[in-house]
C-alpha cells in the first residue's frame, strides 16, 4: 500500500488546475520552488512523470491526466465534506 500524503494530491490538483507552479503556490501559500519539490516527490513515489514544462507553464502528461480525473473528484469530495461539517458546526454555535 502506498504512503502518499493527501497534501501531495492537493498540490498536484492545484498545479493541474492552474497550469502553473507559481500560481498554485500562491493559492496554497507555498513558494513555486516548494511546489516543484512536492510534485517531484509525488512523481518519484508514483514512478511516473505527471507534468511537462512548457514556455507558458506546465501541462499534464497522459498519466497525469488519468490521475487528475480520479484524484480531483476525491479532493472535491473532501472539500465539500469539510465545508458541510463546518457549516453545521457554525449553525450549532
N, C-alpha and C. Protein backbone atom coordinates (compact mmCIF):
# COMPACT_ATOMS: atom_id res chain seq x y z
N UNK A 1 0.85 -1.20 0.00
CA UNK A 1 0.00 0.00 0.00
C UNK A 1 0.88 1.25 0.00
N UNK A 2 0.47 2.23 -0.75
CA UNK A 2 1.24 3.45 -0.89
C UNK A 2 1.05 4.36 0.33
N UNK A 3 2.07 5.14 0.60
CA UNK A 3 2.04 6.05 1.74
C UNK A 3 2.16 7.50 1.26
N UNK A 4 1.39 7.83 0.22
CA UNK A 4 1.44 9.18 -0.35
C UNK A 4 0.54 10.10 0.45
N UNK A 5 1.08 11.24 0.78
CA UNK A 5 0.40 12.24 1.59
C UNK A 5 -0.73 12.91 0.80
N UNK A 6 -1.87 13.08 1.46
CA UNK A 6 -3.02 13.75 0.86
C UNK A 6 -2.65 15.12 0.32
N UNK A 7 -1.78 15.83 1.04
CA UNK A 7 -1.39 17.18 0.60
C UNK A 7 -0.66 17.17 -0.74
N UNK A 8 0.06 16.08 -1.03
CA UNK A 8 0.71 15.99 -2.34
C UNK A 8 -0.34 15.97 -3.45
N UNK A 9 -1.43 15.26 -3.21
CA UNK A 9 -2.50 15.22 -4.21
C UNK A 9 -3.20 16.58 -4.32
N UNK A 10 -3.36 17.25 -3.21
CA UNK A 10 -3.96 18.60 -3.24
C UNK A 10 -3.07 19.54 -4.06
N UNK A 11 -1.77 19.47 -3.84
CA UNK A 11 -0.82 20.29 -4.60
C UNK A 11 -0.88 19.92 -6.07
N UNK A 12 -0.89 18.62 -6.36
CA UNK A 12 -0.97 18.14 -7.74
C UNK A 12 -2.20 18.73 -8.44
N UNK A 13 -3.35 18.69 -7.80
CA UNK A 13 -4.58 19.21 -8.39
C UNK A 13 -4.52 20.72 -8.58
N UNK A 14 -3.92 21.42 -7.63
CA UNK A 14 -3.79 22.87 -7.76
C UNK A 14 -2.92 23.23 -8.96
N UNK A 15 -1.83 22.50 -9.15
CA UNK A 15 -0.96 22.75 -10.29
C UNK A 15 -1.69 22.41 -11.59
N UNK A 16 -2.38 21.28 -11.61
CA UNK A 16 -3.10 20.87 -12.82
C UNK A 16 -4.17 21.90 -13.19
N UNK A 17 -4.87 22.42 -12.20
CA UNK A 17 -5.92 23.41 -12.47
C UNK A 17 -5.36 24.75 -12.93
N UNK A 18 -4.26 25.18 -12.34
CA UNK A 18 -3.70 26.49 -12.67
C UNK A 18 -2.69 26.44 -13.81
N UNK A 19 -2.15 25.24 -14.07
CA UNK A 19 -1.11 25.06 -15.10
C UNK A 19 0.13 25.87 -14.79
N UNK A 20 0.35 26.12 -13.49
CA UNK A 20 1.49 26.94 -13.08
C UNK A 20 1.90 26.60 -11.65
N UNK A 21 3.18 26.37 -11.45
CA UNK A 21 3.68 26.13 -10.09
C UNK A 21 3.54 27.39 -9.25
N UNK A 22 3.85 28.54 -9.85
CA UNK A 22 3.78 29.80 -9.11
C UNK A 22 2.36 30.12 -8.67
N UNK A 23 1.40 29.97 -9.58
CA UNK A 23 0.00 30.27 -9.24
C UNK A 23 -0.54 29.30 -8.20
N UNK A 24 -0.19 28.02 -8.36
CA UNK A 24 -0.61 27.02 -7.37
C UNK A 24 0.00 27.35 -6.02
N UNK A 25 1.25 27.76 -6.02
CA UNK A 25 1.92 28.14 -4.77
C UNK A 25 1.24 29.31 -4.10
N UNK A 26 0.84 30.31 -4.87
CA UNK A 26 0.13 31.46 -4.31
C UNK A 26 -1.17 31.04 -3.66
N UNK A 27 -1.92 30.18 -4.33
CA UNK A 27 -3.21 29.73 -3.80
C UNK A 27 -3.04 28.92 -2.52
N UNK A 28 -1.95 28.15 -2.45
CA UNK A 28 -1.76 27.25 -1.31
C UNK A 28 -0.82 27.80 -0.24
N UNK A 29 -0.21 28.94 -0.51
CA UNK A 29 0.70 29.54 0.47
C UNK A 29 2.09 28.95 0.47
N UNK A 30 2.54 28.46 -0.67
CA UNK A 30 3.88 27.90 -0.81
C UNK A 30 4.64 28.65 -1.90
N UNK A 31 5.96 28.51 -1.91
CA UNK A 31 6.74 29.06 -3.00
C UNK A 31 6.66 28.12 -4.19
N UNK A 32 6.96 28.64 -5.36
CA UNK A 32 6.94 27.78 -6.55
C UNK A 32 8.02 26.70 -6.44
N UNK A 33 9.13 27.02 -5.78
CA UNK A 33 10.19 26.03 -5.57
C UNK A 33 9.69 24.88 -4.70
N UNK A 34 8.92 25.21 -3.66
CA UNK A 34 8.36 24.17 -2.80
C UNK A 34 7.35 23.32 -3.56
N UNK A 35 6.54 23.97 -4.38
CA UNK A 35 5.56 23.23 -5.20
C UNK A 35 6.29 22.27 -6.13
N UNK A 36 7.34 22.75 -6.77
CA UNK A 36 8.13 21.92 -7.68
C UNK A 36 8.71 20.71 -6.95
N UNK A 37 9.23 20.93 -5.76
CA UNK A 37 9.78 19.83 -4.96
C UNK A 37 8.71 18.81 -4.61
N UNK A 38 7.53 19.29 -4.23
CA UNK A 38 6.45 18.38 -3.86
C UNK A 38 5.97 17.56 -5.07
N UNK A 39 5.89 18.19 -6.22
CA UNK A 39 5.50 17.46 -7.43
C UNK A 39 6.55 16.41 -7.77
N UNK A 40 7.82 16.76 -7.63
CA UNK A 40 8.89 15.77 -7.88
C UNK A 40 8.78 14.61 -6.90
N UNK A 41 8.44 14.90 -5.65
CA UNK A 41 8.26 13.83 -4.66
C UNK A 41 7.11 12.90 -5.07
N UNK A 42 6.00 13.48 -5.51
CA UNK A 42 4.87 12.67 -5.94
C UNK A 42 5.23 11.83 -7.15
N UNK A 43 5.91 12.44 -8.11
CA UNK A 43 6.32 11.71 -9.31
C UNK A 43 7.26 10.56 -8.94
N UNK A 44 8.14 10.81 -8.00
CA UNK A 44 9.08 9.76 -7.56
C UNK A 44 8.32 8.61 -6.89
N UNK A 45 7.38 8.95 -6.03
CA UNK A 45 6.62 7.91 -5.32
C UNK A 45 5.75 7.10 -6.27
N UNK A 46 5.22 7.75 -7.30
CA UNK A 46 4.36 7.05 -8.27
C UNK A 46 5.18 6.45 -9.42
N UNK A 47 6.44 6.85 -9.52
CA UNK A 47 7.33 6.42 -10.59
C UNK A 47 6.75 6.74 -11.96
N UNK A 48 6.27 8.00 -12.10
CA UNK A 48 5.69 8.45 -13.36
C UNK A 48 5.84 9.98 -13.45
N UNK A 49 6.03 10.47 -14.66
CA UNK A 49 6.09 11.91 -14.88
C UNK A 49 4.66 12.43 -15.04
N UNK A 50 4.31 13.47 -14.28
CA UNK A 50 2.94 13.98 -14.27
C UNK A 50 2.77 15.24 -15.10
N UNK A 51 3.84 16.04 -15.23
CA UNK A 51 3.76 17.31 -15.95
C UNK A 51 4.92 17.45 -16.92
N UNK A 52 4.66 18.16 -18.01
CA UNK A 52 5.71 18.61 -18.91
C UNK A 52 5.80 20.12 -18.77
N UNK A 53 7.02 20.61 -18.65
CA UNK A 53 7.21 22.06 -18.59
C UNK A 53 7.10 22.65 -19.99
N UNK A 54 6.41 23.77 -20.10
CA UNK A 54 6.26 24.47 -21.36
C UNK A 54 6.58 25.94 -21.12
N UNK A 55 6.69 26.72 -22.18
CA UNK A 55 7.04 28.14 -22.05
C UNK A 55 6.05 28.91 -21.20
N UNK A 56 4.77 28.54 -21.27
CA UNK A 56 3.74 29.29 -20.56
C UNK A 56 3.24 28.56 -19.31
N UNK A 57 4.00 27.59 -18.80
CA UNK A 57 3.60 26.89 -17.58
C UNK A 57 3.85 25.40 -17.68
N UNK A 58 2.94 24.63 -17.16
CA UNK A 58 3.08 23.17 -17.20
C UNK A 58 1.81 22.55 -17.77
N UNK A 59 1.98 21.37 -18.34
CA UNK A 59 0.86 20.66 -18.94
C UNK A 59 0.91 19.21 -18.46
N UNK A 60 -0.25 18.66 -18.16
CA UNK A 60 -0.32 17.28 -17.71
C UNK A 60 0.13 16.31 -18.80
N UNK A 61 0.87 15.29 -18.39
CA UNK A 61 1.18 14.18 -19.29
C UNK A 61 -0.08 13.31 -19.39
N UNK A 62 -0.06 12.30 -20.23
CA UNK A 62 -1.21 11.40 -20.33
C UNK A 62 -1.47 10.73 -18.98
N UNK A 63 -0.40 10.29 -18.31
CA UNK A 63 -0.55 9.67 -16.99
C UNK A 63 -1.08 10.67 -15.98
N UNK A 64 -0.60 11.92 -16.10
CA UNK A 64 -1.08 12.98 -15.22
C UNK A 64 -2.56 13.25 -15.41
N UNK A 65 -3.01 13.23 -16.67
CA UNK A 65 -4.44 13.43 -16.96
C UNK A 65 -5.28 12.34 -16.32
N UNK A 66 -4.82 11.11 -16.44
CA UNK A 66 -5.56 9.99 -15.85
C UNK A 66 -5.64 10.13 -14.33
N UNK A 67 -4.52 10.46 -13.72
CA UNK A 67 -4.50 10.63 -12.27
C UNK A 67 -5.40 11.79 -11.85
N UNK A 68 -5.34 12.90 -12.58
CA UNK A 68 -6.12 14.07 -12.25
C UNK A 68 -7.62 13.78 -12.28
N UNK A 69 -8.08 13.04 -13.28
CA UNK A 69 -9.50 12.71 -13.38
C UNK A 69 -10.01 12.01 -12.13
N UNK A 70 -9.20 11.15 -11.57
CA UNK A 70 -9.60 10.40 -10.38
C UNK A 70 -9.41 11.22 -9.11
N UNK A 71 -8.22 11.78 -8.96
CA UNK A 71 -7.87 12.47 -7.71
C UNK A 71 -8.67 13.76 -7.52
N UNK A 72 -8.92 14.49 -8.60
CA UNK A 72 -9.65 15.75 -8.47
C UNK A 72 -11.04 15.53 -7.91
N UNK A 73 -11.69 14.44 -8.31
CA UNK A 73 -13.02 14.12 -7.77
C UNK A 73 -12.94 13.86 -6.27
N UNK A 74 -11.91 13.16 -5.86
CA UNK A 74 -11.74 12.86 -4.43
C UNK A 74 -11.47 14.13 -3.63
N UNK A 75 -10.59 14.97 -4.15
CA UNK A 75 -10.26 16.23 -3.46
C UNK A 75 -11.53 17.07 -3.34
N UNK A 76 -12.30 17.15 -4.40
CA UNK A 76 -13.55 17.92 -4.37
C UNK A 76 -14.51 17.35 -3.33
N UNK A 77 -14.58 16.04 -3.23
CA UNK A 77 -15.45 15.41 -2.22
C UNK A 77 -14.99 15.74 -0.81
N UNK A 78 -13.68 15.68 -0.58
CA UNK A 78 -13.15 16.04 0.74
C UNK A 78 -13.46 17.49 1.07
N UNK A 79 -13.25 18.39 0.10
CA UNK A 79 -13.52 19.81 0.32
C UNK A 79 -15.00 20.05 0.63
N UNK A 80 -15.87 19.36 -0.09
CA UNK A 80 -17.31 19.51 0.13
C UNK A 80 -17.68 19.00 1.52
N UNK A 81 -17.16 17.84 1.90
CA UNK A 81 -17.47 17.28 3.23
C UNK A 81 -17.00 18.22 4.33
N UNK A 82 -15.81 18.78 4.16
CA UNK A 82 -15.28 19.71 5.15
C UNK A 82 -16.17 20.95 5.26
N UNK A 83 -16.63 21.46 4.14
CA UNK A 83 -17.50 22.64 4.12
C UNK A 83 -18.82 22.35 4.83
N UNK A 84 -19.42 21.20 4.55
CA UNK A 84 -20.69 20.83 5.18
C UNK A 84 -20.54 20.74 6.69
N UNK A 85 -19.50 20.09 7.15
CA UNK A 85 -19.28 19.94 8.59
C UNK A 85 -19.05 21.29 9.25
N UNK A 86 -18.28 22.16 8.61
CA UNK A 86 -18.03 23.49 9.18
C UNK A 86 -19.32 24.30 9.24
N UNK A 87 -20.14 24.21 8.20
CA UNK A 87 -21.39 24.96 8.19
C UNK A 87 -22.33 24.46 9.29
N UNK A 88 -22.41 23.15 9.46
CA UNK A 88 -23.25 22.58 10.51
C UNK A 88 -22.74 23.01 11.89
N UNK A 89 -21.45 23.03 12.06
CA UNK A 89 -20.85 23.45 13.32
C UNK A 89 -21.13 24.92 13.59
N UNK A 90 -21.04 25.76 12.54
CA UNK A 90 -21.31 27.19 12.69
C UNK A 90 -22.76 27.44 13.06
N UNK A 91 -23.68 26.66 12.48
CA UNK A 91 -25.10 26.82 12.80
C UNK A 91 -25.41 26.39 14.23
N UNK A 92 -24.67 25.39 14.72
CA UNK A 92 -24.90 24.88 16.08
C UNK A 92 -24.38 25.85 17.13
N UNK A 93 -23.45 26.70 16.75
CA UNK A 93 -22.85 27.64 17.74
C UNK A 93 -23.50 28.95 17.72
